[in-house]
Amino acid sequence: MLKGILVDDLQVREEDILPTATREEVGLDSLAALELAEVLNARLGIRIRDYELLDTTTLAEMAHLVAERKERA
């Protein structure tokens, strides 16, 4: 799900999306993190902030954060 949003909504190249990839490696800057947070909140009905996404180091950590929030929702 996260991969689909990154590719479809944020135009991240699919081949760049690896669990070990960092936010910087996929081009996820602060503006993109804000957009990603908004999309995740709207589509999944969770509450996640852009700064929480920016606190993660890898996409795997980001996916774990999103999964935790989704479980609580």
C-alpha atoms as a PDB file:
ATOM      1  CA  MET A   1       0.000   0.000   0.000  1.00  0.00           C
ATOM      2  CA  LEU A   2       2.758   2.443   0.941  1.00  0.00           C
ATOM      3  CA  LYS A   3       4.669   1.510  -2.193  1.00  0.00           C
ATOM      4  CA  GLY A   4       1.611   2.184  -4.339  1.00  0.00           C
ATOM      5  CA  ILE A   5       1.124   5.621  -2.810  1.00  0.00           C
ATOM      6  CA  LEU A   6       4.795   6.491  -3.256  1.00  0.00           C
ATOM      7  CA  VAL A   7       4.708   5.454  -6.907  1.00  0.00           C
ATOM      8  CA  ASP A   8       1.250   6.656  -7.923  1.00  0.00           C
ATOM      9  CA  ASP A   9       0.857   9.806  -5.852  1.00  0.00           C
ATOM     10  CA  LEU A  10       4.398  10.998  -5.231  1.00  0.00           C
ATOM     11  CA  GLN A  11       5.971   9.788  -8.482  1.00  0.00           C
ATOM     12  CA  VAL A  12       8.769   7.841  -6.799  1.00  0.00           C
ATOM     13  CA  ARG A  13      10.388   5.396  -9.194  1.00  0.00           C
ATOM     14  CA  GLU A  14       9.220   1.885  -8.377  1.00  0.00           C
ATOM     15  CA  GLU A  15      12.717   0.425  -8.722  1.00  0.00           C
ATOM     16  CA  ASP A  16      13.958   2.840  -6.036  1.00  0.00           C
ATOM     17  CA  ILE A  17      11.515   1.537  -3.438  1.00  0.00           C
ATOM     18  CA  LEU A  18      13.394  -0.968  -1.323  1.00  0.00           C
ATOM     19  CA  PRO A  19      12.912  -1.638   2.398  1.00  0.00           C
ATOM     20  CA  THR A  20      16.463  -0.459   3.074  1.00  0.00           C
ATOM     21  CA  ALA A  21      16.148   2.717   0.986  1.00  0.00           C
ATOM     22  CA  THR A  22      16.354   5.943   2.922  1.00  0.00           C
ATOM     23  CA  ARG A  23      13.947   8.836   2.523  1.00  0.00           C
ATOM     24  CA  GLU A  24      16.707  10.780   0.810  1.00  0.00           C
ATOM     25  CA  GLU A  25      17.357   7.981  -1.680  1.00  0.00           C
ATOM     26  CA  VAL A  26      13.746   8.070  -2.857  1.00  0.00           C
ATOM     27  CA  GLY A  27      13.535  11.870  -2.778  1.00  0.00           C
ATOM     28  CA  LEU A  28      11.138  12.171   0.137  1.00  0.00           C
ATOM     29  CA  ASP A  29      11.787  15.695   1.369  1.00  0.00           C
ATOM     30  CA  SER A  30       9.715  17.635   3.899  1.00  0.00           C
ATOM     31  CA  LEU A  31       7.134  18.738   1.329  1.00  0.00           C
ATOM     32  CA  ALA A  32       6.718  15.180   0.034  1.00  0.00           C
ATOM     33  CA  ALA A  33       6.404  13.914   3.624  1.00  0.00           C
ATOM     34  CA  LEU A  34       3.588  16.382   4.227  1.00  0.00           C
ATOM     35  CA  GLU A  35       1.813  15.194   1.083  1.00  0.00           C
ATOM     36  CA  LEU A  36       2.368  11.550   2.032  1.00  0.00           C
ATOM     37  CA  ALA A  37       0.950  12.130   5.522  1.00  0.00           C
ATOM     38  CA  GLU A  38      -2.154  13.749   4.040  1.00  0.00           C
ATOM     39  CA  VAL A  39      -2.697  10.864   1.621  1.00  0.00           C
ATOM     40  CA  LEU A  40      -2.194   8.241   4.346  1.00  0.00           C
ATOM     41  CA  ASN A  41      -4.571  10.034   6.701  1.00  0.00           C
ATOM     42  CA  ALA A  42      -7.255  10.364   4.030  1.00  0.00           C
ATOM     43  CA  ARG A  43      -7.026   6.859   2.580  1.00  0.00           C
ATOM     44  CA  LEU A  44      -6.379   4.834   5.704  1.00  0.00           C
ATOM     45  CA  GLY A  45      -8.242   6.881   8.267  1.00  0.00           C
ATOM     46  CA  ILE A  46      -5.168   7.106  10.483  1.00  0.00           C
ATOM     47  CA  ARG A  47      -3.527  10.058  12.176  1.00  0.00           C
ATOM     48  CA  ILE A  48       0.105  10.424  11.203  1.00  0.00           C
ATOM     49  CA  ARG A  49       2.120  13.624  10.980  1.00  0.00           C
ATOM     50  CA  ASP A  50       4.756  14.584   8.456  1.00  0.00           C
ATOM     51  CA  TYR A  51       7.409  15.005  11.148  1.00  0.00           C
ATOM     52  CA  GLU A  52       6.805  11.417  12.268  1.00  0.00           C
ATOM     53  CA  LEU A  53       7.501  10.219   8.739  1.00  0.00           C
ATOM     54  CA  LEU A  54      10.634  12.382   8.639  1.00  0.00           C
ATOM     55  CA  ASP A  55      11.833  10.790  11.892  1.00  0.00           C
ATOM     56  CA  THR A  56      12.110   7.421  10.143  1.00  0.00           C
ATOM     57  CA  THR A  57      15.356   6.465   8.449  1.00  0.00           C
ATOM     58  CA  THR A  58      14.309   3.774   5.971  1.00  0.00           C
ATOM     59  CA  LEU A  59      11.171   2.910   4.066  1.00  0.00           C
ATOM     60  CA  ALA A  60      10.876  -0.240   6.190  1.00  0.00           C
ATOM     61  CA  GLU A  61      10.699   1.924   9.336  1.00  0.00           C
ATOM     62  CA  MET A  62       8.135   4.135   7.653  1.00  0.00           C
ATOM     63  CA  ALA A  63       6.028   1.127   6.657  1.00  0.00           C
ATOM     64  CA  HIS A  64       6.232  -0.181  10.237  1.00  0.00           C
ATOM     65  CA  LEU A  65       5.016   3.164  11.590  1.00  0.00           C
ATOM     66  CA  VAL A  66       2.098   3.205   9.161  1.00  0.00           C
ATOM     67  CA  ALA A  67       1.199  -0.406  10.018  1.00  0.00           C
ATOM     68  CA  GLU A  68       1.212   0.381  13.751  1.00  0.00           C
ATOM     69  CA  ARG A  69      -1.120   3.321  13.235  1.00  0.00           C
ATOM     70  CA  LYS A  70      -3.402   1.295  11.011  1.00  0.00           C
ATOM     71  CA  GLU A  71      -3.699  -1.422  13.679  1.00  0.00           C
ATOM     72  CA  ARG A  72      -4.799   1.176  16.233  1.00  0.00           C
ATOM     73  CA  ALA A  73      -7.369   2.756  13.916  1.00  0.00           C
END
